[in-house]
C-alpha atoms as a PDB file:
ATOM      1  CA  MET A   1      29.228  55.176  36.851  1.00  0.00           C
ATOM      2  CA  THR A   2      25.299  54.858  35.055  1.00  0.00           C
ATOM      3  CA  TYR A   3      22.684  52.710  37.874  1.00  0.00           C
ATOM      4  CA  LEU A   4      20.044  51.993  36.960  1.00  0.00           C
ATOM      5  CA  VAL A   5      16.768  50.577  40.278  1.00  0.00           C
ATOM      6  CA  ARG A   6      14.497  48.443  41.106  1.00  0.00           C
ATOM      7  CA  LYS A   7      12.012  48.304  43.449  1.00  0.00           C
ATOM      8  CA  VAL A   8      12.421  44.134  45.759  1.00  0.00           C
ATOM      9  CA  GLY A   9      10.757  42.326  48.644  1.00  0.00           C
ATOM     10  CA  MET A  10      13.474  41.794  50.211  1.00  0.00           C
ATOM     11  CA  PRO A  11      11.591  39.016  52.134  1.00  0.00           C
ATOM     12  CA  LYS A  12      11.051  37.347  49.525  1.00  0.00           C
ATOM     13  CA  TRP A  13      14.950  37.185  47.784  1.00  0.00           C
ATOM     14  CA  LEU A  14      16.319  35.778  51.531  1.00  0.00           C
ATOM     15  CA  GLU A  15      16.383  34.491  54.440  1.00  0.00           C
ATOM     16  CA  GLY A  16      18.069  36.700  56.896  1.00  0.00           C
ATOM     17  CA  ASP A  17      21.319  37.770  54.501  1.00  0.00           C
ATOM     18  CA  VAL A  18      21.516  34.477  52.779  1.00  0.00           C
ATOM     19  CA  VAL A  19      20.017  34.743  48.960  1.00  0.00           C
ATOM     20  CA  ARG A  20      17.091  32.448  48.631  1.00  0.00           C
ATOM     21  CA  SER A  21      18.057  28.855  46.613  1.00  0.00           C
ATOM     22  CA  PRO A  22      15.861  28.317  44.808  1.00  0.00           C
ATOM     23  CA  VAL A  23      14.566  31.850  44.040  1.00  0.00           C
ATOM     24  CA  SER A  24      11.231  31.950  44.754  1.00  0.00           C
ATOM     25  CA  ALA A  25       8.264  32.476  42.395  1.00  0.00           C
ATOM     26  CA  ASP A  26       6.230  34.992  44.931  1.00  0.00           C
ATOM     27  CA  ALA A  27      10.441  36.470  44.375  1.00  0.00           C
ATOM     28  CA  ILE A  28       9.958  37.010  40.184  1.00  0.00           C
ATOM     29  CA  THR A  29       6.277  36.937  40.500  1.00  0.00           C
ATOM     30  CA  GLY A  30       5.803  40.198  42.667  1.00  0.00           C
ATOM     31  CA  CYS A  31       9.186  41.933  42.611  1.00  0.00           C
ATOM     32  CA  LEU A  32       9.793  41.706  39.024  1.00  0.00           C
ATOM     33  CA  ARG A  33       5.872  42.019  37.061  1.00  0.00           C
ATOM     34  CA  THR A  34       6.508  44.620  33.444  1.00  0.00           C
ATOM     35  CA  SER A  35       3.849  45.650  31.227  1.00  0.00           C
ATOM     36  CA  GLN A  36       3.728  44.630  28.128  1.00  0.00           C
ATOM     37  CA  ASN A  37       6.405  42.861  28.076  1.00  0.00           C
ATOM     38  CA  ALA A  38       9.327  45.699  29.883  1.00  0.00           C
ATOM     39  CA  LEU A  39      10.463  46.139  33.661  1.00  0.00           C
ATOM     40  CA  SER A  40      10.293  49.799  35.244  1.00  0.00           C
ATOM     41  CA  LEU A  41      14.672  50.906  36.173  1.00  0.00           C
ATOM     42  CA  TRP A  42      15.451  53.996  37.759  1.00  0.00           C
ATOM     43  CA  LYS A  43      18.285  55.776  36.694  1.00  0.00           C
ATOM     44  CA  VAL A  44      20.638  57.275  38.919  1.00  0.00           C
ATOM     45  CA  GLU A  45      24.148  58.438  38.355  1.00  0.00           C
ATOM     46  CA  ASP A  46      26.007  56.970  41.881  1.00  0.00           C
ATOM     47  CA  GLU A  47      25.621  55.145  44.537  1.00  0.00           C
ATOM     48  CA  ALA A  48      24.689  59.097  46.037  1.00  0.00           C
ATOM     49  CA  SER A  49      22.025  59.262  44.521  1.00  0.00           C
ATOM     50  CA  LEU A  50      19.749  55.922  44.314  1.00  0.00           C
ATOM     51  CA  SER A  51      17.897  57.920  47.058  1.00  0.00           C
ATOM     52  CA  ASP A  52      16.257  60.196  43.806  1.00  0.00           C
ATOM     53  CA  ALA A  53      15.436  57.090  42.657  1.00  0.00           C
ATOM     54  CA  VAL A  54      13.421  55.967  45.818  1.00  0.00           C
ATOM     55  CA  LEU A  55      11.832  59.350  46.221  1.00  0.00           C
ATOM     56  CA  ALA A  56      10.824  59.109  42.090  1.00  0.00           C
ATOM     57  CA  LEU A  57       9.177  55.306  43.954  1.00  0.00           C
ATOM     58  CA  THR A  58       7.707  56.192  47.296  1.00  0.00           C
ATOM     59  CA  SER A  59       6.157  59.827  46.634  1.00  0.00           C
ATOM     60  CA  LYS A  60       3.211  58.346  44.395  1.00  0.00           C
ATOM     61  CA  PHE A  61       2.416  55.391  47.294  1.00  0.00           C
ATOM     62  CA  GLU A  62      -0.788  55.708  48.799  1.00  0.00           C
ATOM     63  CA  ARG A  63       0.486  55.468  52.492  1.00  0.00           C
ATOM     64  CA  LEU A  64       4.203  55.954  54.109  1.00  0.00           C
ATOM     65  CA  GLN A  65       5.542  52.302  53.542  1.00  0.00           C
ATOM     66  CA  ARG A  66       9.414  52.046  53.351  1.00  0.00           C
ATOM     67  CA  CYS A  67      10.878  50.665  49.994  1.00  0.00           C
ATOM     68  CA  ASP A  68      13.511  47.885  49.181  1.00  0.00           C
ATOM     69  CA  ILE A  69      16.342  48.480  46.355  1.00  0.00           C
ATOM     70  CA  VAL A  70      18.425  47.227  43.848  1.00  0.00           C
ATOM     71  CA  TRP A  71      20.477  47.840  42.240  1.00  0.00           C
ATOM     72  CA  PHE A  72      22.955  47.217  38.495  1.00  0.00           C
ATOM     73  CA  GLU A  73      25.304  49.209  36.396  1.00  0.00           C
ATOM     74  CA  LYS A  74      23.306  49.850  33.014  1.00  0.00           C
ATOM     75  CA  SER A  75      26.547  48.658  31.037  1.00  0.00           C
ATOM     76  CA  GLU A  76      26.413  45.670  32.624  1.00  0.00           C
ATOM     77  CA  LEU A  77      22.853  45.128  31.670  1.00  0.00           C
ATOM     78  CA  GLU A  78      23.881  46.314  27.639  1.00  0.00           C
ATOM     79  CA  ASP A  79      26.536  44.903  27.624  1.00  0.00           C
ATOM     80  CA  ASN A  80      24.532  41.306  29.027  1.00  0.00           C
ATOM     81  CA  GLY A  81      22.031  42.073  25.674  1.00  0.00           C
ATOM     82  CA  PHE A  82      19.138  43.521  27.771  1.00  0.00           C
ATOM     83  CA  ASP A  83      17.047  46.653  25.860  1.00  0.00           C
ATOM     84  CA  LEU A  84      17.303  49.689  27.452  1.00  0.00           C
ATOM     85  CA  GLU A  85      14.505  52.081  27.001  1.00  0.00           C
ATOM     86  CA  ASN A  86      14.070  56.028  28.020  1.00  0.00           C
ATOM     87  CA  THR A  87       9.849  56.752  29.398  1.00  0.00           C
ATOM     88  CA  PRO A  88       9.002  58.999  31.003  1.00  0.00           C
ATOM     89  CA  GLY A  89       8.464  57.767  34.361  1.00  0.00           C
ATOM     90  CA  GLU A  90       5.572  57.589  36.930  1.00  0.00           C
ATOM     91  CA  THR A  91       6.410  60.075  39.768  1.00  0.00           C
ATOM     92  CA  VAL A  92       5.021  63.775  41.245  1.00  0.00           C
ATOM     93  CA  VAL A  93       8.301  64.759  40.943  1.00  0.00           C
ATOM     94  CA  ASP A  94       8.600  65.710  37.535  1.00  0.00           C
ATOM     95  CA  SER A  95      12.705  66.299  37.680  1.00  0.00           C
ATOM     96  CA  LEU A  96      13.282  62.479  37.731  1.00  0.00           C
ATOM     97  CA  VAL A  97      10.327  61.685  35.073  1.00  0.00           C
ATOM     98  CA  ASP A  98      13.092  61.658  32.098  1.00  0.00           C
ATOM     99  CA  SER A  99      14.703  59.599  34.748  1.00  0.00           C
ATOM    100  CA  HIS A 100      12.909  56.423  34.163  1.00  0.00           C
ATOM    101  CA  VAL A 101      14.329  53.712  32.542  1.00  0.00           C
ATOM    102  CA  ASP A 102      12.538  49.973  30.965  1.00  0.00           C
ATOM    103  CA  ILE A 103      14.507  47.245  29.994  1.00  0.00           C
ATOM    104  CA  THR A 104      12.365  45.971  26.843  1.00  0.00           C
ATOM    105  CA  GLU A 105      11.213  43.240  24.768  1.00  0.00           C
ATOM    106  CA  LEU A 106      11.514  40.926  27.992  1.00  0.00           C
ATOM    107  CA  ASP A 107      10.885  37.230  27.395  1.00  0.00           C
ATOM    108  CA  TYR A 108      10.687  34.136  30.010  1.00  0.00           C
ATOM    109  CA  GLN A 109      14.462  33.531  29.989  1.00  0.00           C
ATOM    110  CA  LYS A 110      15.266  37.192  29.988  1.00  0.00           C
ATOM    111  CA  LEU A 111      12.634  37.817  32.643  1.00  0.00           C
ATOM    112  CA  GLY A 112      15.497  34.562  34.393  1.00  0.00           C
ATOM    113  CA  ASP A 113      18.804  36.032  33.430  1.00  0.00           C
ATOM    114  CA  VAL A 114      17.142  39.931  34.934  1.00  0.00           C
ATOM    115  CA  ALA A 115      16.056  37.470  38.365  1.00  0.00           C
ATOM    116  CA  GLU A 116      19.611  36.649  38.736  1.00  0.00           C
ATOM    117  CA  LYS A 117      21.315  40.093  38.690  1.00  0.00           C
ATOM    118  CA  VAL A 118      18.810  41.423  41.999  1.00  0.00           C
ATOM    119  CA  VAL A 119      20.537  37.756  42.639  1.00  0.00           C
ATOM    120  CA  ASP A 120      23.848  39.034  41.919  1.00  0.00           C
ATOM    121  CA  SER A 121      22.500  42.411  43.337  1.00  0.00           C
ATOM    122  CA  PHE A 122      22.304  41.334  47.144  1.00  0.00           C
ATOM    123  CA  LYS A 123      25.783  38.301  47.288  1.00  0.00           C
ATOM    124  CA  HIS A 124      27.362  41.881  46.060  1.00  0.00           C
ATOM    125  CA  SER A 125      25.205  44.339  48.677  1.00  0.00           C
ATOM    126  CA  LYS A 126      23.944  46.032  45.824  1.00  0.00           C
ATOM    127  CA  TYR A 127      20.927  46.720  48.166  1.00  0.00           C
ATOM    128  CA  LYS A 128      18.955  49.007  50.643  1.00  0.00           C
ATOM    129  CA  ARG A 129      16.975  49.217  53.122  1.00  0.00           C
ATOM    130  CA  PHE A 130      14.843  52.697  52.878  1.00  0.00           C
ATOM    131  CA  THR A 131      12.847  52.822  56.257  1.00  0.00           C
ATOM    132  CA  ASN A 132       9.588  54.469  56.764  1.00  0.00           C
ATOM    133  CA  GLY A 133      11.536  57.339  58.647  1.00  0.00           C
ATOM    134  CA  ASP A 134      13.916  57.653  55.581  1.00  0.00           C
ATOM    135  CA  ILE A 135      10.745  58.031  53.319  1.00  0.00           C
ATOM    136  CA  LYS A 136       9.405  61.015  55.561  1.00  0.00           C
ATOM    137  CA  ASN A 137      12.466  62.794  55.193  1.00  0.00           C
ATOM    138  CA  LEU A 138      13.750  62.293  51.515  1.00  0.00           C
ATOM    139  CA  ILE A 139       9.912  63.422  51.042  1.00  0.00           C
ATOM    140  CA  GLN A 140      10.397  66.607  52.997  1.00  0.00           C
ATOM    141  CA  ASP A 141      13.864  67.082  52.234  1.00  0.00           C
ATOM    142  CA  ALA A 142      12.315  67.572  48.528  1.00  0.00           C
ATOM    143  CA  VAL A 143       9.212  69.726  49.720  1.00  0.00           C
ATOM    144  CA  GLU A 144      11.628  71.964  51.754  1.00  0.00           C
ATOM    145  CA  ASN A 145      14.000  72.203  48.065  1.00  0.00           C
ATOM    146  CA  ASP A 146      11.298  72.641  46.292  1.00  0.00           C
ATOM    147  CA  LEU A 147      11.528  69.639  44.315  1.00  0.00           C
ATOM    148  CA  LEU A 148       8.114  67.523  44.768  1.00  0.00           C
ATOM    149  CA  ASP A 149       5.165  70.065  45.467  1.00  0.00           C
ATOM    150  CA  PRO A 150       2.867  68.524  48.101  1.00  0.00           C
ATOM    151  CA  ARG A 151      -0.223  68.710  47.088  1.00  0.00           C
ATOM    152  CA  LYS A 152       0.687  66.189  43.989  1.00  0.00           C
ATOM    153  CA  LEU A 153       0.726  63.505  46.910  1.00  0.00           C
ATOM    154  CA  HIS A 154      -1.638  61.496  48.057  1.00  0.00           C
ATOM    155  CA  ASP A 155      -3.554  62.697  51.391  1.00  0.00           C
ATOM    156  CA  THR A 156      -2.927  59.807  53.823  1.00  0.00           C
ATOM    157  CA  LEU A 157       1.259  60.171  52.376  1.00  0.00           C
ATOM    158  CA  ARG A 158       1.071  63.357  53.074  1.00  0.00           C
ATOM    159  CA  GLU A 159       0.004  63.681  56.156  1.00  0.00           C
ATOM    160  CA  LYS A 160       2.281  60.754  57.446  1.00  0.00           C
ATOM    161  CA  CYS A 161       5.070  62.833  56.597  1.00  0.00           C
ATOM    162  CA  GLU A 162       3.303  66.321  57.608  1.00  0.00           C
ATOM    163  CA  VAL A 163       4.095  67.761  54.758  1.00  0.00           C
END
């Protein structure tokens, strides 16, 4: 089953283990920021591959920092009328560039529908926090397996990851 992954700020959506209700404007404007009416997501083939999306995201960070993600079933988004378009992703992991998908043609209503999908992900435990240590390990493993050229990392991130 194919999933689409989005980076979010977990504290903006959750209060303890409970989804904030109503969803705050900061959650929507901070975590669902669009560009040209499109929202960036990363595609993975199964839940065991979620770390690929996190590697694609975090390898372009300036510094080592945790990463919270939610994921959605691709077919569910398609069935709910979201327009999906494969686009080259902005990542320094060359093998993951083509794993990028945009939700396109977003408007006020559809962005609210995406926010509801994020809420559903939290309610159904389709979210995960990757700690600094997790990110460091992902980057180190990617370098060791020749998936990532450490020279492409930001200097601060490369130093913190010791690669």
